[in-house]
Amino acid sequence: MANIKSAKKRIKVISKKTLRNKMIKSATKTAIKKVVVAVEANDKAAAQAALVGAISAIDRAYAKGTLTKNSCARKKSSLTRLVNKMA
């Protein structure tokens, strides 16, 4: 455990940031999973609607600094290809 006041504050701040990042990542993963489930169910309309939500969640995660630019681009690209491959 830290003894210095500034170190104690850093521990509190880091734990808050960790919790925030965990919530953002979890919401992003849930949105991505909705797209995958809709694609597996072969429901094109639901997959496209879920894709819009997933892209929005991914962009939000990037804006908050939780995900990097390339990671977001890769996730969006793979999801878009997955939905576009449907008949």
N, C-alpha and C. Protein backbone atom coordinates (compact mmCIF):
# COMPACT_ATOMS: atom_id res chain seq x y z
N MET A 1 0.85 -1.19 0.00
CA MET A 1 0.00 0.00 0.00
C MET A 1 0.89 1.24 0.00
N ALA A 2 0.44 2.25 -0.72
CA ALA A 2 1.22 3.48 -0.85
C ALA A 2 1.15 4.32 0.42
N ASN A 3 2.24 5.02 0.70
CA ASN A 3 2.29 5.92 1.86
C ASN A 3 2.17 7.37 1.45
N ILE A 4 2.63 7.69 0.25
CA ILE A 4 2.65 9.08 -0.21
C ILE A 4 1.26 9.47 -0.73
N LYS A 5 0.87 10.70 -0.41
CA LYS A 5 -0.48 11.17 -0.73
C LYS A 5 -0.76 11.12 -2.24
N SER A 6 0.19 11.54 -3.05
CA SER A 6 -0.02 11.54 -4.49
C SER A 6 -0.15 10.12 -5.04
N ALA A 7 0.59 9.18 -4.45
CA ALA A 7 0.51 7.79 -4.88
C ALA A 7 -0.86 7.21 -4.53
N LYS A 8 -1.39 7.59 -3.36
CA LYS A 8 -2.73 7.14 -2.96
C LYS A 8 -3.77 7.66 -3.93
N LYS A 9 -3.61 8.91 -4.34
CA LYS A 9 -4.56 9.50 -5.29
C LYS A 9 -4.47 8.78 -6.64
N ARG A 10 -3.24 8.48 -7.09
CA ARG A 10 -3.07 7.79 -8.38
C ARG A 10 -3.77 6.44 -8.35
N ILE A 11 -3.69 5.74 -7.22
CA ILE A 11 -4.35 4.44 -7.10
C ILE A 11 -5.86 4.60 -7.27
N LYS A 12 -6.43 5.63 -6.64
CA LYS A 12 -7.88 5.87 -6.77
C LYS A 12 -8.25 6.22 -8.21
N VAL A 13 -7.47 7.09 -8.82
CA VAL A 13 -7.76 7.54 -10.18
C VAL A 13 -7.65 6.37 -11.16
N ILE A 14 -6.60 5.56 -11.01
CA ILE A 14 -6.39 4.43 -11.91
C ILE A 14 -7.53 3.42 -11.77
N SER A 15 -7.99 3.18 -10.55
CA SER A 15 -9.08 2.22 -10.37
C SER A 15 -10.37 2.72 -11.02
N LYS A 16 -10.61 4.03 -10.96
CA LYS A 16 -11.78 4.61 -11.63
C LYS A 16 -11.67 4.45 -13.14
N LYS A 17 -10.48 4.76 -13.68
CA LYS A 17 -10.27 4.64 -15.13
C LYS A 17 -10.39 3.19 -15.59
N THR A 18 -9.86 2.27 -14.79
CA THR A 18 -9.93 0.85 -15.13
C THR A 18 -11.38 0.40 -15.20
N LEU A 19 -12.18 0.81 -14.23
CA LEU A 19 -13.60 0.45 -14.22
C LEU A 19 -14.31 1.03 -15.43
N ARG A 20 -14.01 2.28 -15.77
CA ARG A 20 -14.63 2.94 -16.92
C ARG A 20 -14.26 2.23 -18.22
N ASN A 21 -12.97 1.90 -18.37
CA ASN A 21 -12.52 1.19 -19.57
C ASN A 21 -13.16 -0.18 -19.67
N LYS A 22 -13.30 -0.86 -18.54
CA LYS A 22 -13.91 -2.19 -18.52
C LYS A 22 -15.37 -2.11 -18.97
N MET A 23 -16.09 -1.09 -18.52
CA MET A 23 -17.49 -0.92 -18.91
C MET A 23 -17.60 -0.63 -20.41
N ILE A 24 -16.73 0.21 -20.92
CA ILE A 24 -16.77 0.56 -22.34
C ILE A 24 -16.44 -0.65 -23.20
N LYS A 25 -15.40 -1.41 -22.82
CA LYS A 25 -15.03 -2.61 -23.57
C LYS A 25 -16.14 -3.64 -23.54
N SER A 26 -16.78 -3.79 -22.40
CA SER A 26 -17.86 -4.77 -22.26
C SER A 26 -19.03 -4.40 -23.17
N ALA A 27 -19.39 -3.13 -23.19
CA ALA A 27 -20.49 -2.67 -24.05
C ALA A 27 -20.15 -2.89 -25.53
N THR A 28 -18.89 -2.64 -25.88
CA THR A 28 -18.44 -2.84 -27.26
C THR A 28 -18.51 -4.31 -27.65
N LYS A 29 -18.02 -5.18 -26.76
CA LYS A 29 -18.05 -6.62 -27.04
C LYS A 29 -19.48 -7.13 -27.17
N THR A 30 -20.40 -6.61 -26.35
CA THR A 30 -21.80 -7.01 -26.43
C THR A 30 -22.39 -6.60 -27.78
N ALA A 31 -22.08 -5.39 -28.23
CA ALA A 31 -22.59 -4.92 -29.52
C ALA A 31 -22.04 -5.77 -30.66
N ILE A 32 -20.77 -6.15 -30.58
CA ILE A 32 -20.16 -6.99 -31.61
C ILE A 32 -20.82 -8.36 -31.62
N LYS A 33 -21.08 -8.89 -30.43
CA LYS A 33 -21.70 -10.21 -30.32
C LYS A 33 -23.10 -10.21 -30.93
N LYS A 34 -23.84 -9.11 -30.78
CA LYS A 34 -25.18 -9.02 -31.37
C LYS A 34 -25.12 -9.16 -32.88
N VAL A 35 -24.09 -8.57 -33.50
CA VAL A 35 -23.92 -8.67 -34.95
C VAL A 35 -23.64 -10.12 -35.33
N VAL A 36 -22.73 -10.75 -34.61
CA VAL A 36 -22.34 -12.14 -34.92
C VAL A 36 -23.54 -13.08 -34.76
N VAL A 37 -24.32 -12.88 -33.70
CA VAL A 37 -25.50 -13.73 -33.47
C VAL A 37 -26.52 -13.54 -34.59
N ALA A 38 -26.73 -12.30 -35.02
CA ALA A 38 -27.68 -12.03 -36.10
C ALA A 38 -27.20 -12.65 -37.40
N VAL A 39 -25.91 -12.63 -37.67
CA VAL A 39 -25.36 -13.23 -38.88
C VAL A 39 -25.52 -14.75 -38.83
N GLU A 40 -25.26 -15.34 -37.67
CA GLU A 40 -25.40 -16.78 -37.53
C GLU A 40 -26.85 -17.22 -37.67
N ALA A 41 -27.78 -16.35 -37.26
CA ALA A 41 -29.21 -16.64 -37.40
C ALA A 41 -29.69 -16.37 -38.82
N ASN A 42 -28.80 -15.84 -39.66
CA ASN A 42 -29.11 -15.52 -41.06
C ASN A 42 -30.21 -14.48 -41.19
N ASP A 43 -30.20 -13.48 -40.30
CA ASP A 43 -31.20 -12.40 -40.30
C ASP A 43 -30.49 -11.12 -40.76
N LYS A 44 -30.60 -10.83 -42.05
CA LYS A 44 -29.85 -9.71 -42.64
C LYS A 44 -30.27 -8.37 -42.06
N ALA A 45 -31.58 -8.16 -41.88
CA ALA A 45 -32.07 -6.87 -41.36
C ALA A 45 -31.55 -6.62 -39.94
N ALA A 46 -31.64 -7.64 -39.10
CA ALA A 46 -31.17 -7.50 -37.72
C ALA A 46 -29.66 -7.32 -37.69
N ALA A 47 -28.95 -8.01 -38.59
CA ALA A 47 -27.49 -7.90 -38.64
C ALA A 47 -27.08 -6.48 -39.02
N GLN A 48 -27.77 -5.89 -40.00
CA GLN A 48 -27.43 -4.53 -40.41
C GLN A 48 -27.74 -3.52 -39.31
N ALA A 49 -28.88 -3.72 -38.62
CA ALA A 49 -29.22 -2.83 -37.51
C ALA A 49 -28.20 -2.95 -36.38
N ALA A 50 -27.80 -4.19 -36.08
CA ALA A 50 -26.81 -4.42 -35.03
C ALA A 50 -25.44 -3.88 -35.44
N LEU A 51 -25.14 -3.93 -36.74
CA LEU A 51 -23.86 -3.41 -37.24
C LEU A 51 -23.75 -1.91 -36.98
N VAL A 52 -24.84 -1.19 -37.22
CA VAL A 52 -24.84 0.26 -36.97
C VAL A 52 -24.55 0.54 -35.50
N GLY A 53 -25.20 -0.22 -34.61
CA GLY A 53 -24.97 -0.06 -33.17
C GLY A 53 -23.55 -0.42 -32.77
N ALA A 54 -23.02 -1.48 -33.39
CA ALA A 54 -21.66 -1.92 -33.06
C ALA A 54 -20.62 -0.90 -33.51
N ILE A 55 -20.80 -0.36 -34.70
CA ILE A 55 -19.86 0.65 -35.20
C ILE A 55 -19.90 1.89 -34.31
N SER A 56 -21.09 2.25 -33.87
CA SER A 56 -21.23 3.39 -32.96
C SER A 56 -20.51 3.13 -31.64
N ALA A 57 -20.67 1.92 -31.10
CA ALA A 57 -20.02 1.56 -29.84
C ALA A 57 -18.50 1.55 -29.99
N ILE A 58 -18.02 1.04 -31.13
CA ILE A 58 -16.58 1.00 -31.39
C ILE A 58 -16.02 2.41 -31.49
N ASP A 59 -16.73 3.28 -32.20
CA ASP A 59 -16.28 4.67 -32.33
C ASP A 59 -16.28 5.38 -30.97
N ARG A 60 -17.27 5.08 -30.14
CA ARG A 60 -17.33 5.66 -28.80
C ARG A 60 -16.12 5.21 -27.97
N ALA A 61 -15.78 3.93 -28.09
CA ALA A 61 -14.63 3.40 -27.36
C ALA A 61 -13.34 4.08 -27.81
N TYR A 62 -13.23 4.37 -29.10
CA TYR A 62 -12.06 5.08 -29.62
C TYR A 62 -12.03 6.52 -29.09
N ALA A 63 -13.19 7.17 -29.08
CA ALA A 63 -13.26 8.55 -28.62
C ALA A 63 -12.87 8.66 -27.14
N LYS A 64 -13.19 7.65 -26.36
CA LYS A 64 -12.86 7.65 -24.94
C LYS A 64 -11.41 7.22 -24.69
N GLY A 65 -10.74 6.73 -25.74
CA GLY A 65 -9.35 6.33 -25.59
C GLY A 65 -9.17 4.90 -25.12
N THR A 66 -10.24 4.12 -25.12
CA THR A 66 -10.16 2.74 -24.66
C THR A 66 -9.56 1.82 -25.72
N LEU A 67 -9.92 2.05 -26.98
CA LEU A 67 -9.40 1.26 -28.09
C LEU A 67 -8.55 2.14 -28.99
N THR A 68 -7.58 1.53 -29.67
CA THR A 68 -6.74 2.29 -30.58
C THR A 68 -7.40 2.41 -31.95
N LYS A 69 -6.87 3.30 -32.77
CA LYS A 69 -7.44 3.57 -34.09
C LYS A 69 -7.44 2.33 -34.96
N ASN A 70 -6.30 1.63 -35.03
CA ASN A 70 -6.21 0.46 -35.89
C ASN A 70 -7.08 -0.68 -35.40
N SER A 71 -7.19 -0.83 -34.11
CA SER A 71 -8.04 -1.87 -33.53
C SER A 71 -9.50 -1.61 -33.91
N CYS A 72 -9.92 -0.36 -33.82
CA CYS A 72 -11.30 0.00 -34.19
C CYS A 72 -11.54 -0.25 -35.68
N ALA A 73 -10.59 0.15 -36.51
CA ALA A 73 -10.73 -0.04 -37.95
C ALA A 73 -10.83 -1.52 -38.29
N ARG A 74 -10.00 -2.34 -37.63
CA ARG A 74 -10.01 -3.79 -37.87
C ARG A 74 -11.34 -4.41 -37.47
N LYS A 75 -11.87 -4.01 -36.31
CA LYS A 75 -13.14 -4.56 -35.83
C LYS A 75 -14.29 -4.16 -36.75
N LYS A 76 -14.32 -2.88 -37.13
CA LYS A 76 -15.40 -2.40 -38.01
C LYS A 76 -15.33 -3.08 -39.37
N SER A 77 -14.13 -3.24 -39.90
CA SER A 77 -13.95 -3.86 -41.20
C SER A 77 -14.41 -5.31 -41.19
N SER A 78 -14.00 -6.06 -40.18
CA SER A 78 -14.36 -7.48 -40.13
C SER A 78 -15.86 -7.67 -39.95
N LEU A 79 -16.49 -6.82 -39.14
CA LEU A 79 -17.94 -6.91 -38.95
C LEU A 79 -18.69 -6.56 -40.22
N THR A 80 -18.22 -5.52 -40.91
CA THR A 80 -18.86 -5.08 -42.16
C THR A 80 -18.75 -6.19 -43.20
N ARG A 81 -17.56 -6.80 -43.31
CA ARG A 81 -17.38 -7.90 -44.27
C ARG A 81 -18.29 -9.07 -43.93
N LEU A 82 -18.43 -9.35 -42.64
CA LEU A 82 -19.28 -10.45 -42.18
C LEU A 82 -20.73 -10.22 -42.60
N VAL A 83 -21.22 -9.00 -42.42
CA VAL A 83 -22.62 -8.69 -42.78
C VAL A 83 -22.78 -8.64 -44.30
N ASN A 84 -21.80 -8.08 -45.02
CA ASN A 84 -21.91 -7.97 -46.47
C ASN A 84 -21.83 -9.33 -47.16
N LYS A 85 -21.19 -10.32 -46.51
CA LYS A 85 -21.07 -11.65 -47.09
C LYS A 85 -22.41 -12.40 -47.09
N MET A 86 -23.35 -11.93 -46.26
CA MET A 86 -24.65 -12.61 -46.20
C MET A 86 -25.38 -12.47 -47.53
N ALA A 87 -26.20 -13.45 -47.81
CA ALA A 87 -26.95 -13.46 -49.08
C ALA A 87 -27.99 -12.41 -49.11
